[in-house]
PDB file of N, CA and C in Angstrom:
ATOM      1  N   MET A   1     -27.047 -32.646 -11.846  1.00  0.00           N
ATOM      2  CA  MET A   1     -27.466 -32.883 -10.483  1.00  0.00           C
ATOM      3  C   MET A   1     -26.541 -32.308  -9.519  1.00  0.00           C
ATOM      4  N   ARG A   2     -25.221 -32.329  -9.779  1.00  0.00           N
ATOM      5  CA  ARG A   2     -24.229 -31.726  -8.902  1.00  0.00           C
ATOM      6  C   ARG A   2     -24.503 -30.254  -8.697  1.00  0.00           C
ATOM      7  N   PHE A   3     -24.834 -29.514  -9.727  1.00  0.00           N
ATOM      8  CA  PHE A   3     -25.131 -28.124  -9.668  1.00  0.00           C
ATOM      9  C   PHE A   3     -26.320 -27.897  -8.717  1.00  0.00           C
ATOM     10  N   VAL A   4     -27.363 -28.666  -8.876  1.00  0.00           N
ATOM     11  CA  VAL A   4     -28.564 -28.536  -8.059  1.00  0.00           C
ATOM     12  C   VAL A   4     -28.199 -28.800  -6.583  1.00  0.00           C
ATOM     13  N   LEU A   5     -27.415 -29.797  -6.361  1.00  0.00           N
ATOM     14  CA  LEU A   5     -26.966 -30.102  -5.009  1.00  0.00           C
ATOM     15  C   LEU A   5     -26.119 -28.966  -4.380  1.00  0.00           C
ATOM     16  N   ARG A   6     -25.212 -28.369  -5.219  1.00  0.00           N
ATOM     17  CA  ARG A   6     -24.362 -27.225  -4.683  1.00  0.00           C
ATOM     18  C   ARG A   6     -25.299 -26.078  -4.296  1.00  0.00           C
ATOM     19  N   VAL A   7     -26.286 -25.770  -5.114  1.00  0.00           N
ATOM     20  CA  VAL A   7     -27.117 -24.582  -4.914  1.00  0.00           C
ATOM     21  C   VAL A   7     -27.985 -24.889  -3.631  1.00  0.00           C
ATOM     22  N   ALA A   8     -28.576 -26.071  -3.589  1.00  0.00           N
ATOM     23  CA  ALA A   8     -29.404 -26.461  -2.455  1.00  0.00           C
ATOM     24  C   ALA A   8     -28.537 -26.453  -1.140  1.00  0.00           C
ATOM     25  N   GLY A   9     -27.324 -26.987  -1.225  1.00  0.00           N
ATOM     26  CA  GLY A   9     -26.454 -26.994  -0.061  1.00  0.00           C
ATOM     27  C   GLY A   9     -26.109 -25.607   0.413  1.00  0.00           C
ATOM     28  N   SER A  10     -25.893 -24.656  -0.535  1.00  0.00           N
ATOM     29  CA  SER A  10     -25.570 -23.268  -0.251  1.00  0.00           C
ATOM     30  C   SER A  10     -26.795 -22.632   0.486  1.00  0.00           C
ATOM     31  N   HIS A  11     -27.959 -22.850  -0.066  1.00  0.00           N
ATOM     32  CA  HIS A  11     -29.153 -22.326   0.593  1.00  0.00           C
ATOM     33  C   HIS A  11     -29.401 -22.926   1.973  1.00  0.00           C
ATOM     34  N   ALA A  12     -29.155 -24.196   2.135  1.00  0.00           N
ATOM     35  CA  ALA A  12     -29.289 -24.846   3.438  1.00  0.00           C
ATOM     36  C   ALA A  12     -28.237 -24.233   4.476  1.00  0.00           C
ATOM     37  N   ALA A  13     -27.057 -23.991   4.005  1.00  0.00           N
ATOM     38  CA  ALA A  13     -26.048 -23.313   4.871  1.00  0.00           C
ATOM     39  C   ALA A  13     -26.457 -21.901   5.274  1.00  0.00           C
ATOM     40  N   ARG A  14     -27.045 -21.147   4.368  1.00  0.00           N
ATOM     41  CA  ARG A  14     -27.507 -19.756   4.721  1.00  0.00           C
ATOM     42  C   ARG A  14     -28.612 -19.870   5.690  1.00  0.00           C
ATOM     43  N   LEU A  15     -29.541 -20.850   5.498  1.00  0.00           N
ATOM     44  CA  LEU A  15     -30.658 -21.037   6.436  1.00  0.00           C
ATOM     45  C   LEU A  15     -30.096 -21.378   7.854  1.00  0.00           C
ATOM     46  N   ALA A  16     -29.125 -22.308   7.841  1.00  0.00           N
ATOM     47  CA  ALA A  16     -28.535 -22.675   9.126  1.00  0.00           C
ATOM     48  C   ALA A  16     -27.918 -21.494   9.854  1.00  0.00           C
ATOM     49  N   GLU A  17     -27.319 -20.629   9.080  1.00  0.00           N
ATOM     50  CA  GLU A  17     -26.712 -19.405   9.702  1.00  0.00           C
ATOM     51  C   GLU A  17     -27.776 -18.612  10.385  1.00  0.00           C
ATOM     52  N   THR A  18     -28.896 -18.469   9.808  1.00  0.00           N
ATOM     53  CA  THR A  18     -29.942 -17.580  10.389  1.00  0.00           C
ATOM     54  C   THR A  18     -30.601 -18.247  11.589  1.00  0.00           C
ATOM     55  N   LEU A  19     -30.467 -19.608  11.666  1.00  0.00           N
ATOM     56  CA  LEU A  19     -31.082 -20.313  12.746  1.00  0.00           C
ATOM     57  C   LEU A  19     -30.165 -20.480  13.924  1.00  0.00           C
ATOM     58  N   LEU A  20     -28.878 -20.106  13.795  1.00  0.00           N
ATOM     59  CA  LEU A  20     -27.867 -20.319  14.910  1.00  0.00           C
ATOM     60  C   LEU A  20     -28.420 -19.873  16.252  1.00  0.00           C
ATOM     61  N   PRO A  21     -28.957 -18.704  16.382  1.00  0.00           N
ATOM     62  CA  PRO A  21     -29.399 -18.283  17.695  1.00  0.00           C
ATOM     63  C   PRO A  21     -30.513 -19.166  18.331  1.00  0.00           C
ATOM     64  N   LEU A  22     -31.227 -19.889  17.488  1.00  0.00           N
ATOM     65  CA  LEU A  22     -32.249 -20.775  17.944  1.00  0.00           C
ATOM     66  C   LEU A  22     -31.743 -22.210  18.262  1.00  0.00           C
ATOM     67  N   LEU A  23     -30.563 -22.528  17.750  1.00  0.00           N
ATOM     68  CA  LEU A  23     -30.033 -23.897  17.960  1.00  0.00           C
ATOM     69  C   LEU A  23     -29.414 -24.083  19.307  1.00  0.00           C
ATOM     70  N   ALA A  24     -28.706 -23.054  19.812  1.00  0.00           N
ATOM     71  CA  ALA A  24     -28.107 -23.143  21.141  1.00  0.00           C
ATOM     72  C   ALA A  24     -27.714 -21.688  21.602  1.00  0.00           C
ATOM     73  N   GLU A  25     -27.639 -21.496  22.880  1.00  0.00           N
ATOM     74  CA  GLU A  25     -27.253 -20.204  23.379  1.00  0.00           C
ATOM     75  C   GLU A  25     -25.773 -19.902  23.088  1.00  0.00           C
ATOM     76  N   ASP A  26     -24.942 -20.924  23.194  1.00  0.00           N
ATOM     77  CA  ASP A  26     -23.536 -20.754  22.963  1.00  0.00           C
ATOM     78  C   ASP A  26     -23.249 -20.881  21.447  1.00  0.00           C
ATOM     79  N   GLN A  27     -22.585 -19.888  20.898  1.00  0.00           N
ATOM     80  CA  GLN A  27     -22.326 -19.804  19.451  1.00  0.00           C
ATOM     81  C   GLN A  27     -21.619 -21.120  18.940  1.00  0.00           C
ATOM     82  N   GLU A  28     -20.584 -21.562  19.656  1.00  0.00           N
ATOM     83  CA  GLU A  28     -19.822 -22.723  19.248  1.00  0.00           C
ATOM     84  C   GLU A  28     -20.766 -23.934  19.162  1.00  0.00           C
ATOM     85  N   ALA A  29     -21.583 -24.118  20.140  1.00  0.00           N
ATOM     86  CA  ALA A  29     -22.497 -25.258  20.191  1.00  0.00           C
ATOM     87  C   ALA A  29     -23.503 -25.124  19.090  1.00  0.00           C
ATOM     88  N   ALA A  30     -23.976 -23.984  18.741  1.00  0.00           N
ATOM     89  CA  ALA A  30     -24.942 -23.774  17.703  1.00  0.00           C
ATOM     90  C   ALA A  30     -24.340 -24.083  16.339  1.00  0.00           C
ATOM     91  N   VAL A  31     -23.083 -23.624  16.131  1.00  0.00           N
ATOM     92  CA  VAL A  31     -22.346 -23.953  14.892  1.00  0.00           C
ATOM     93  C   VAL A  31     -22.115 -25.446  14.738  1.00  0.00           C
ATOM     94  N   GLU A  32     -21.756 -26.072  15.861  1.00  0.00           N
ATOM     95  CA  GLU A  32     -21.525 -27.560  15.795  1.00  0.00           C
ATOM     96  C   GLU A  32     -22.788 -28.323  15.419  1.00  0.00           C
ATOM     97  N   THR A  33     -23.959 -27.902  16.064  1.00  0.00           N
ATOM     98  CA  THR A  33     -25.223 -28.473  15.721  1.00  0.00           C
ATOM     99  C   THR A  33     -25.624 -28.310  14.274  1.00  0.00           C
ATOM    100  N   ALA A  34     -25.433 -27.085  13.783  1.00  0.00           N
ATOM    101  CA  ALA A  34     -25.729 -26.786  12.368  1.00  0.00           C
ATOM    102  C   ALA A  34     -24.856 -27.592  11.458  1.00  0.00           C
ATOM    103  N   ASN A  35     -23.548 -27.649  11.720  1.00  0.00           N
ATOM    104  CA  ASN A  35     -22.676 -28.372  10.877  1.00  0.00           C
ATOM    105  C   ASN A  35     -22.949 -29.885  10.847  1.00  0.00           C
ATOM    106  N   GLU A  36     -23.428 -30.416  11.940  1.00  0.00           N
ATOM    107  CA  GLU A  36     -23.813 -31.850  12.020  1.00  0.00           C
ATOM    108  C   GLU A  36     -25.007 -32.087  11.126  1.00  0.00           C
ATOM    109  N   ALA A  37     -26.035 -31.161  11.149  1.00  0.00           N
ATOM    110  CA  ALA A  37     -27.175 -31.340  10.331  1.00  0.00           C
ATOM    111  C   ALA A  37     -26.763 -31.158   8.827  1.00  0.00           C
ATOM    112  N   LEU A  38     -25.963 -30.173   8.525  1.00  0.00           N
ATOM    113  CA  LEU A  38     -25.536 -29.898   7.156  1.00  0.00           C
ATOM    114  C   LEU A  38     -24.761 -31.065   6.598  1.00  0.00           C
ATOM    115  N   GLY A  39     -24.008 -31.763   7.477  1.00  0.00           N
ATOM    116  CA  GLY A  39     -23.196 -32.922   7.037  1.00  0.00           C
ATOM    117  C   GLY A  39     -24.096 -34.062   6.490  1.00  0.00           C
ATOM    118  N   LYS A  40     -25.335 -34.106   6.912  1.00  0.00           N
ATOM    119  CA  LYS A  40     -26.234 -35.161   6.417  1.00  0.00           C
ATOM    120  C   LYS A  40     -27.068 -34.710   5.234  1.00  0.00           C
ATOM    121  N   PHE A  41     -26.956 -33.402   4.915  1.00  0.00           N
ATOM    122  CA  PHE A  41     -27.810 -32.845   3.787  1.00  0.00           C
ATOM    123  C   PHE A  41     -27.578 -33.499   2.502  1.00  0.00           C
ATOM    124  N   ALA A  42     -26.337 -33.609   2.058  1.00  0.00           N
ATOM    125  CA  ALA A  42     -26.034 -34.051   0.708  1.00  0.00           C
ATOM    126  C   ALA A  42     -26.597 -35.493   0.439  1.00  0.00           C
ATOM    127  N   GLY A  43     -26.409 -36.360   1.392  1.00  0.00           N
ATOM    128  CA  GLY A  43     -26.976 -37.781   1.226  1.00  0.00           C
ATOM    129  C   GLY A  43     -28.475 -37.764   1.162  1.00  0.00           C
ATOM    130  N   ARG A  44     -29.045 -37.009   2.018  1.00  0.00           N
ATOM    131  CA  ARG A  44     -30.571 -37.033   2.090  1.00  0.00           C
ATOM    132  C   ARG A  44     -31.106 -36.342   0.820  1.00  0.00           C
ATOM    133  N   PHE A  45     -30.376 -35.259   0.402  1.00  0.00           N
ATOM    134  CA  PHE A  45     -30.870 -34.569  -0.834  1.00  0.00           C
ATOM    135  C   PHE A  45     -30.804 -35.534  -2.065  1.00  0.00           C
ATOM    136  N   GLU A  46     -29.621 -36.150  -2.190  1.00  0.00           N
ATOM    137  CA  GLU A  46     -29.435 -37.064  -3.331  1.00  0.00           C
ATOM    138  C   GLU A  46     -30.441 -38.193  -3.343  1.00  0.00           C
ATOM    139  N   ALA A  47     -30.778 -38.704  -2.176  1.00  0.00           N
ATOM    140  CA  ALA A  47     -31.738 -39.800  -2.118  1.00  0.00           C
ATOM    141  C   ALA A  47     -33.133 -39.329  -2.475  1.00  0.00           C
ATOM    142  N   ALA A  48     -33.529 -38.111  -1.983  1.00  0.00           N
ATOM    143  CA  ALA A  48     -34.843 -37.529  -2.316  1.00  0.00           C
ATOM    144  C   ALA A  48     -34.931 -37.208  -3.787  1.00  0.00           C
ATOM    145  N   TYR A  49     -33.847 -36.627  -4.337  1.00  0.00           N
ATOM    146  CA  TYR A  49     -33.829 -36.286  -5.759  1.00  0.00           C
ATOM    147  C   TYR A  49     -33.932 -37.509  -6.644  1.00  0.00           C
ATOM    148  N   ALA A  50     -33.193 -38.567  -6.310  1.00  0.00           N
ATOM    149  CA  ALA A  50     -33.283 -39.804  -7.079  1.00  0.00           C
ATOM    150  C   ALA A  50     -34.674 -40.383  -6.958  1.00  0.00           C
ATOM    151  N   ALA A  51     -35.228 -40.392  -5.826  1.00  0.00           N
ATOM    152  CA  ALA A  51     -36.618 -40.984  -5.672  1.00  0.00           C
ATOM    153  C   ALA A  51     -37.588 -40.160  -6.506  1.00  0.00           C
ATOM    154  N   GLY A  52     -37.481 -38.826  -6.506  1.00  0.00           N
ATOM    155  CA  GLY A  52     -38.346 -38.029  -7.324  1.00  0.00           C
ATOM    156  C   GLY A  52     -38.224 -38.271  -8.795  1.00  0.00           C
ATOM    157  N   LEU A  53     -36.998 -38.401  -9.257  1.00  0.00           N
ATOM    158  CA  LEU A  53     -36.766 -38.784 -10.694  1.00  0.00           C
ATOM    159  C   LEU A  53     -37.270 -40.140 -11.055  1.00  0.00           C
ATOM    160  N   ARG A  54     -37.145 -41.119 -10.137  1.00  0.00           N
ATOM    161  CA  ARG A  54     -37.703 -42.441 -10.393  1.00  0.00           C
ATOM    162  C   ARG A  54     -39.206 -42.362 -10.540  1.00  0.00           C
ATOM    163  N   ARG A  55     -39.867 -41.615  -9.685  1.00  0.00           N
ATOM    164  CA  ARG A  55     -41.311 -41.446  -9.823  1.00  0.00           C
ATOM    165  C   ARG A  55     -41.684 -40.806 -11.138  1.00  0.00           C
ATOM    166  N   LYS A  56     -40.952 -39.753 -11.519  1.00  0.00           N
ATOM    167  CA  LYS A  56     -41.224 -39.036 -12.808  1.00  0.00           C
ATOM    168  C   LYS A  56     -41.075 -39.979 -13.968  1.00  0.00           C
ATOM    169  N   LEU A  57     -40.056 -40.846 -13.922  1.00  0.00           N
ATOM    170  CA  LEU A  57     -39.777 -41.718 -15.046  1.00  0.00           C
ATOM    171  C   LEU A  57     -40.542 -43.028 -14.968  1.00  0.00           C
ATOM    172  N   GLY A  58     -41.340 -43.250 -13.905  1.00  0.00           N
ATOM    173  CA  GLY A  58     -42.133 -44.453 -13.810  1.00  0.00           C
ATOM    174  C   GLY A  58     -41.293 -45.656 -13.465  1.00  0.00           C
ATOM    175  N   LEU A  59     -40.190 -45.438 -12.802  1.00  0.00           N
ATOM    176  CA  LEU A  59     -39.268 -46.559 -12.432  1.00  0.00           C
ATOM    177  C   LEU A  59     -39.694 -47.010 -10.967  1.00  0.00           C
ATOM    178  N   PHE A  60     -40.534 -48.054 -10.927  1.00  0.00           N
ATOM    179  CA  PHE A  60     -41.150 -48.378  -9.714  1.00  0.00           C
ATOM    180  C   PHE A  60     -40.297 -49.295  -8.790  1.00  0.00           C
ATOM    181  N   GLN A  61     -39.309 -49.902  -9.437  1.00  0.00           N
ATOM    182  CA  GLN A  61     -38.332 -50.784  -8.699  1.00  0.00           C
ATOM    183  C   GLN A  61     -36.974 -50.077  -8.700  1.00  0.00           C
ATOM    184  N   LYS A  62     -36.426 -49.845  -7.595  1.00  0.00           N
ATOM    185  CA  LYS A  62     -35.144 -49.181  -7.484  1.00  0.00           C
ATOM    186  C   LYS A  62     -34.033 -50.136  -8.015  1.00  0.00           C
ATOM    187  N   ARG A  63     -33.249 -49.590  -8.965  1.00  0.00           N
ATOM    188  CA  ARG A  63     -32.162 -50.324  -9.581  1.00  0.00           C
ATOM    189  C   ARG A  63     -30.926 -49.481  -9.568  1.00  0.00           C
ATOM    190  N   GLN A  64     -29.762 -50.161  -9.594  1.00  0.00           N
ATOM    191  CA  GLN A  64     -28.515 -49.477  -9.477  1.00  0.00           C
ATOM    192  C   GLN A  64     -28.258 -48.438 -10.574  1.00  0.00           C
ATOM    193  N   ASP A  65     -28.703 -48.738 -11.758  1.00  0.00           N
ATOM    194  CA  ASP A  65     -28.434 -47.791 -12.910  1.00  0.00           C
ATOM    195  C   ASP A  65     -29.573 -46.762 -13.061  1.00  0.00           C
ATOM    196  N   ASP A  66     -30.476 -46.609 -12.154  1.00  0.00           N
ATOM    197  CA  ASP A  66     -31.514 -45.580 -12.328  1.00  0.00           C
ATOM    198  C   ASP A  66     -30.965 -44.155 -12.477  1.00  0.00           C
ATOM    199  N   GLY A  67     -29.937 -43.847 -11.679  1.00  0.00           N
ATOM    200  CA  GLY A  67     -29.383 -42.501 -11.729  1.00  0.00           C
ATOM    201  C   GLY A  67     -28.738 -42.256 -13.077  1.00  0.00           C
ATOM    202  N   ALA A  68     -28.008 -43.211 -13.619  1.00  0.00           N
ATOM    203  CA  ALA A  68     -27.418 -43.032 -14.945  1.00  0.00           C
ATOM    204  C   ALA A  68     -28.462 -42.883 -15.979  1.00  0.00           C
ATOM    205  N   LEU A  69     -29.545 -43.623 -15.949  1.00  0.00           N
ATOM    206  CA  LEU A  69     -30.653 -43.553 -16.922  1.00  0.00           C
ATOM    207  C   LEU A  69     -31.253 -42.173 -16.822  1.00  0.00           C
ATOM    208  N   ALA A  70     -31.546 -41.688 -15.621  1.00  0.00           N
ATOM    209  CA  ALA A  70     -32.185 -40.344 -15.464  1.00  0.00           C
ATOM    210  C   ALA A  70     -31.255 -39.261 -15.957  1.00  0.00           C
ATOM    211  N   GLN A  71     -29.971 -39.363 -15.593  1.00  0.00           N
ATOM    212  CA  GLN A  71     -29.047 -38.346 -15.993  1.00  0.00           C
ATOM    213  C   GLN A  71     -28.866 -38.329 -17.516  1.00  0.00           C
ATOM    214  N   ASP A  72     -28.866 -39.495 -18.180  1.00  0.00           N
ATOM    215  CA  ASP A  72     -28.808 -39.576 -19.597  1.00  0.00           C
ATOM    216  C   ASP A  72     -29.971 -38.810 -20.270  1.00  0.00           C
ATOM    217  N   LEU A  73     -31.169 -39.030 -19.745  1.00  0.00           N
ATOM    218  CA  LEU A  73     -32.339 -38.298 -20.257  1.00  0.00           C
ATOM    219  C   LEU A  73     -32.210 -36.845 -20.034  1.00  0.00           C
ATOM    220  N   ILE A  74     -31.833 -36.383 -18.870  1.00  0.00           N
ATOM    221  CA  ILE A  74     -31.730 -34.976 -18.552  1.00  0.00           C
ATOM    222  C   ILE A  74     -30.669 -34.332 -19.480  1.00  0.00           C
ATOM    223  N   ASP A  75     -29.496 -35.064 -19.646  1.00  0.00           N
ATOM    224  CA  ASP A  75     -28.484 -34.503 -20.517  1.00  0.00           C
ATOM    225  C   ASP A  75     -28.975 -34.354 -21.979  1.00  0.00           C
ATOM    226  N   ARG A  76     -29.726 -35.344 -22.439  1.00  0.00           N
ATOM    227  CA  ARG A  76     -30.286 -35.298 -23.822  1.00  0.00           C
ATOM    228  C   ARG A  76     -31.368 -34.182 -23.877  1.00  0.00           C
ATOM    229  N   MET A  77     -32.145 -34.016 -22.866  1.00  0.00           N
ATOM    230  CA  MET A  77     -33.155 -32.937 -22.866  1.00  0.00           C
ATOM    231  C   MET A  77     -32.456 -31.577 -22.871  1.00  0.00           C
ATOM    232  N   ALA A  78     -31.408 -31.407 -22.069  1.00  0.00           N
ATOM    233  CA  ALA A  78     -30.683 -30.156 -22.032  1.00  0.00           C
ATOM    234  C   ALA A  78     -29.976 -29.860 -23.396  1.00  0.00           C
ATOM    235  N   GLY A  79     -29.332 -30.929 -23.886  1.00  0.00           N
ATOM    236  CA  GLY A  79     -28.583 -30.787 -25.119  1.00  0.00           C
ATOM    237  C   GLY A  79     -29.417 -30.438 -26.296  1.00  0.00           C
ATOM    238  N   ASN A  80     -30.700 -30.827 -26.244  1.00  0.00           N
ATOM    239  CA  ASN A  80     -31.637 -30.530 -27.407  1.00  0.00           C
ATOM    240  C   ASN A  80     -32.546 -29.367 -27.103  1.00  0.00           C
ATOM    241  N   GLY A  81     -32.310 -28.686 -26.005  1.00  0.00           N
ATOM    242  CA  GLY A  81     -33.132 -27.524 -25.618  1.00  0.00           C
ATOM    243  C   GLY A  81     -34.606 -27.901 -25.364  1.00  0.00           C
ATOM    244  N   ALA A  82     -34.803 -29.122 -24.838  1.00  0.00           N
ATOM    245  CA  ALA A  82     -36.157 -29.534 -24.497  1.00  0.00           C
ATOM    246  C   ALA A  82     -36.811 -28.671 -23.396  1.00  0.00           C
ATOM    247  N   ASP A  83     -38.107 -28.613 -23.438  1.00  0.00           N
ATOM    248  CA  ASP A  83     -38.908 -28.030 -22.356  1.00  0.00           C
ATOM    249  C   ASP A  83     -39.074 -29.173 -21.301  1.00  0.00           C
ATOM    250  N   PHE A  84     -38.385 -29.066 -20.208  1.00  0.00           N
ATOM    251  CA  PHE A  84     -38.387 -30.146 -19.237  1.00  0.00           C
ATOM    252  C   PHE A  84     -39.777 -30.448 -18.746  1.00  0.00           C
ATOM    253  N   THR A  85     -40.578 -29.413 -18.475  1.00  0.00           N
ATOM    254  CA  THR A  85     -41.935 -29.581 -17.972  1.00  0.00           C
ATOM    255  C   THR A  85     -42.792 -30.369 -18.977  1.00  0.00           C
ATOM    256  N   LEU A  86     -42.729 -29.932 -20.216  1.00  0.00           N
ATOM    257  CA  LEU A  86     -43.517 -30.647 -21.277  1.00  0.00           C
ATOM    258  C   LEU A  86     -43.011 -32.060 -21.532  1.00  0.00           C
ATOM    259  N   ALA A  87     -41.679 -32.256 -21.456  1.00  0.00           N
ATOM    260  CA  ALA A  87     -41.165 -33.591 -21.665  1.00  0.00           C
ATOM    261  C   ALA A  87     -41.650 -34.553 -20.631  1.00  0.00           C
ATOM    262  N   PHE A  88     -41.567 -34.083 -19.348  1.00  0.00           N
ATOM    263  CA  PHE A  88     -42.055 -35.018 -18.253  1.00  0.00           C
ATOM    264  C   PHE A  88     -43.546 -35.201 -18.299  1.00  0.00           C
ATOM    265  N   ARG A  89     -44.231 -34.180 -18.733  1.00  0.00           N
ATOM    266  CA  ARG A  89     -45.737 -34.256 -18.829  1.00  0.00           C
ATOM    267  C   ARG A  89     -46.083 -35.288 -19.949  1.00  0.00           C
ATOM    268  N   ARG A  90     -45.435 -35.248 -21.056  1.00  0.00           N
ATOM    269  CA  ARG A  90     -45.715 -36.181 -22.129  1.00  0.00           C
ATOM    270  C   ARG A  90     -45.263 -37.587 -21.822  1.00  0.00           C
ATOM    271  N   LEU A  91     -44.186 -37.658 -21.110  1.00  0.00           N
ATOM    272  CA  LEU A  91     -43.673 -38.981 -20.680  1.00  0.00           C
ATOM    273  C   LEU A  91     -44.770 -39.661 -19.769  1.00  0.00           C
ATOM    274  N   SER A  92     -45.491 -38.840 -18.974  1.00  0.00           N
ATOM    275  CA  SER A  92     -46.508 -39.430 -18.120  1.00  0.00           C
ATOM    276  C   SER A  92     -47.635 -40.058 -18.878  1.00  0.00           C
ATOM    277  N   GLY A  93     -47.831 -39.674 -20.163  1.00  0.00           N
ATOM    278  CA  GLY A  93     -48.853 -40.261 -21.048  1.00  0.00           C
ATOM    279  C   GLY A  93     -48.396 -41.521 -21.753  1.00  0.00           C
ATOM    280  N   ALA A  94     -47.175 -41.982 -21.631  1.00  0.00           N
ATOM    281  CA  ALA A  94     -46.694 -43.156 -22.269  1.00  0.00           C
ATOM    282  C   ALA A  94     -47.386 -44.388 -21.717  1.00  0.00           C
ATOM    283  N   PRO A  95     -47.610 -45.391 -22.594  1.00  0.00           N
ATOM    284  CA  PRO A  95     -48.270 -46.649 -22.132  1.00  0.00           C
ATOM    285  C   PRO A  95     -47.503 -47.257 -20.947  1.00  0.00           C
ATOM    286  N   ARG A  96     -48.195 -47.876 -20.049  1.00  0.00           N
ATOM    287  CA  ARG A  96     -47.557 -48.494 -18.874  1.00  0.00           C
ATOM    288  C   ARG A  96     -48.228 -49.752 -18.532  1.00  0.00           C
ATOM    289  N   GLY A  97     -47.626 -50.491 -17.624  1.00  0.00           N
ATOM    290  CA  GLY A  97     -48.226 -51.688 -17.126  1.00  0.00           C
ATOM    291  C   GLY A  97     -47.796 -52.915 -17.941  1.00  0.00           C
ATOM    292  N   SER A  98     -48.347 -54.116 -17.548  1.00  0.00           N
ATOM    293  CA  SER A  98     -47.969 -55.317 -18.178  1.00  0.00           C
ATOM    294  C   SER A  98     -48.451 -55.421 -19.618  1.00  0.00           C
ATOM    295  N   HIS A  99     -49.442 -54.639 -19.998  1.00  0.00           N
ATOM    296  CA  HIS A  99     -49.986 -54.653 -21.360  1.00  0.00           C
ATOM    297  C   HIS A  99     -49.056 -53.906 -22.334  1.00  0.00           C
ATOM    298  N   CYS A 100     -48.056 -53.252 -21.851  1.00  0.00           N
ATOM    299  CA  CYS A 100     -47.168 -52.496 -22.734  1.00  0.00           C
ATOM    300  C   CYS A 100     -45.962 -53.309 -23.110  1.00  0.00           C
ATOM    301  N   GLU A 101     -45.947 -53.650 -24.379  1.00  0.00           N
ATOM    302  CA  GLU A 101     -44.801 -54.403 -24.917  1.00  0.00           C
ATOM    303  C   GLU A 101     -43.636 -53.408 -25.034  1.00  0.00           C
ATOM    304  N   PRO A 102     -42.435 -53.814 -24.763  1.00  0.00           N
ATOM    305  CA  PRO A 102     -41.306 -52.883 -24.749  1.00  0.00           C
ATOM    306  C   PRO A 102     -41.144 -52.103 -26.059  1.00  0.00           C
ATOM    307  N   ALA A 103     -41.299 -52.745 -27.212  1.00  0.00           N
ATOM    308  CA  ALA A 103     -41.145 -52.050 -28.528  1.00  0.00           C
ATOM    309  C   ALA A 103     -42.186 -50.943 -28.697  1.00  0.00           C
ATOM    310  N   ARG A 104     -43.475 -51.272 -28.283  1.00  0.00           N
ATOM    311  CA  ARG A 104     -44.534 -50.284 -28.375  1.00  0.00           C
ATOM    312  C   ARG A 104     -44.318 -49.116 -27.442  1.00  0.00           C
ATOM    313  N   CYS A 105     -43.842 -49.384 -26.242  1.00  0.00           N
ATOM    314  CA  CYS A 105     -43.574 -48.297 -25.257  1.00  0.00           C
ATOM    315  C   CYS A 105     -42.494 -47.400 -25.813  1.00  0.00           C
ATOM    316  N   ARG A 106     -41.424 -48.016 -26.309  1.00  0.00           N
ATOM    317  CA  ARG A 106     -40.304 -47.274 -26.786  1.00  0.00           C
ATOM    318  C   ARG A 106     -40.783 -46.340 -27.985  1.00  0.00           C
ATOM    319  N   ARG A 107     -41.543 -46.896 -28.874  1.00  0.00           N
ATOM    320  CA  ARG A 107     -42.063 -46.087 -30.030  1.00  0.00           C
ATOM    321  C   ARG A 107     -42.860 -44.971 -29.549  1.00  0.00           C
ATOM    322  N   SER A 108     -43.744 -45.112 -28.624  1.00  0.00           N
ATOM    323  CA  SER A 108     -44.623 -44.043 -28.171  1.00  0.00           C
ATOM    324  C   SER A 108     -43.852 -42.957 -27.505  1.00  0.00           C
ATOM    325  N   ILE A 109     -42.736 -43.263 -26.853  1.00  0.00           N
ATOM    326  CA  ILE A 109     -41.955 -42.248 -26.181  1.00  0.00           C
ATOM    327  C   ILE A 109     -41.067 -41.523 -27.241  1.00  0.00           C
ATOM    328  N   THR A 110     -40.501 -42.233 -28.196  1.00  0.00           N
ATOM    329  CA  THR A 110     -39.552 -41.588 -29.068  1.00  0.00           C
ATOM    330  C   THR A 110     -40.151 -41.005 -30.356  1.00  0.00           C
ATOM    331  N   SER A 111     -41.288 -41.490 -30.773  1.00  0.00           N
ATOM    332  CA  SER A 111     -41.842 -40.958 -32.004  1.00  0.00           C
ATOM    333  C   SER A 111     -42.978 -39.988 -31.749  1.00  0.00           C
ATOM    334  N   GLY A 112     -42.543 -38.774 -31.568  1.00  0.00           N
ATOM    335  CA  GLY A 112     -43.585 -37.760 -31.506  1.00  0.00           C
ATOM    336  C   GLY A 112     -43.842 -37.200 -30.103  1.00  0.00           C
ATOM    337  N   SER A 113     -44.126 -38.034 -29.124  1.00  0.00           N
ATOM    338  CA  SER A 113     -44.511 -37.560 -27.860  1.00  0.00           C
ATOM    339  C   SER A 113     -43.413 -36.737 -27.182  1.00  0.00           C
ATOM    340  N   LEU A 114     -42.188 -37.277 -27.176  1.00  0.00           N
ATOM    341  CA  LEU A 114     -41.114 -36.531 -26.617  1.00  0.00           C
ATOM    342  C   LEU A 114     -40.276 -35.830 -27.691  1.00  0.00           C
ATOM    343  N   GLY A 115     -40.265 -36.394 -28.934  1.00  0.00           N
ATOM    344  CA  GLY A 115     -39.580 -35.729 -30.004  1.00  0.00           C
ATOM    345  C   GLY A 115     -39.971 -34.341 -30.235  1.00  0.00           C
ATOM    346  N   SER A 116     -41.231 -34.051 -30.031  1.00  0.00           N
ATOM    347  CA  SER A 116     -41.809 -32.699 -30.264  1.00  0.00           C
ATOM    348  C   SER A 116     -41.330 -31.690 -29.191  1.00  0.00           C
ATOM    349  N   VAL A 117     -40.729 -32.147 -28.082  1.00  0.00           N
ATOM    350  CA  VAL A 117     -40.251 -31.240 -27.085  1.00  0.00           C
ATOM    351  C   VAL A 117     -38.746 -31.217 -27.032  1.00  0.00           C
ATOM    352  N   GLY A 118     -38.131 -31.866 -27.969  1.00  0.00           N
ATOM    353  CA  GLY A 118     -36.641 -31.757 -28.141  1.00  0.00           C
ATOM    354  C   GLY A 118     -35.881 -32.944 -27.556  1.00  0.00           C
ATOM    355  N   VAL A 119     -36.493 -34.014 -27.220  1.00  0.00           N
ATOM    356  CA  VAL A 119     -35.769 -35.205 -26.755  1.00  0.00           C
ATOM    357  C   VAL A 119     -35.594 -36.196 -27.903  1.00  0.00           C
ATOM    358  N   GLN A 120     -34.368 -36.494 -28.197  1.00  0.00           N
ATOM    359  CA  GLN A 120     -34.018 -37.448 -29.256  1.00  0.00           C
ATOM    360  C   GLN A 120     -33.167 -38.527 -28.808  1.00  0.00           C
TER     361      GLN A 120
END
């Protein structure tokens, strides 16, 4: 996630540089305005990234350890050479709702549906 944030932050900074003439007539004022906006970028990006991962993982209630859970999955997927798109697609087919007993849900995710894309 840190790598993604660094790349996104770098792209945002380059975009801000191109927008300087539109932000203010005075160069110093334009740089100050851009830096103020860029200072808020990391927090907003992290919140949006975490919300997107929660949606992908079906975590409907925000919990403190959501980030660690998502990062563990991503690390396992990367470590096993998983196809991220396929893994998330197959995860979307896992049983859900109150009718899903935890043991059954766990089995459907680990035995075959994600194992075939490299998540173990």
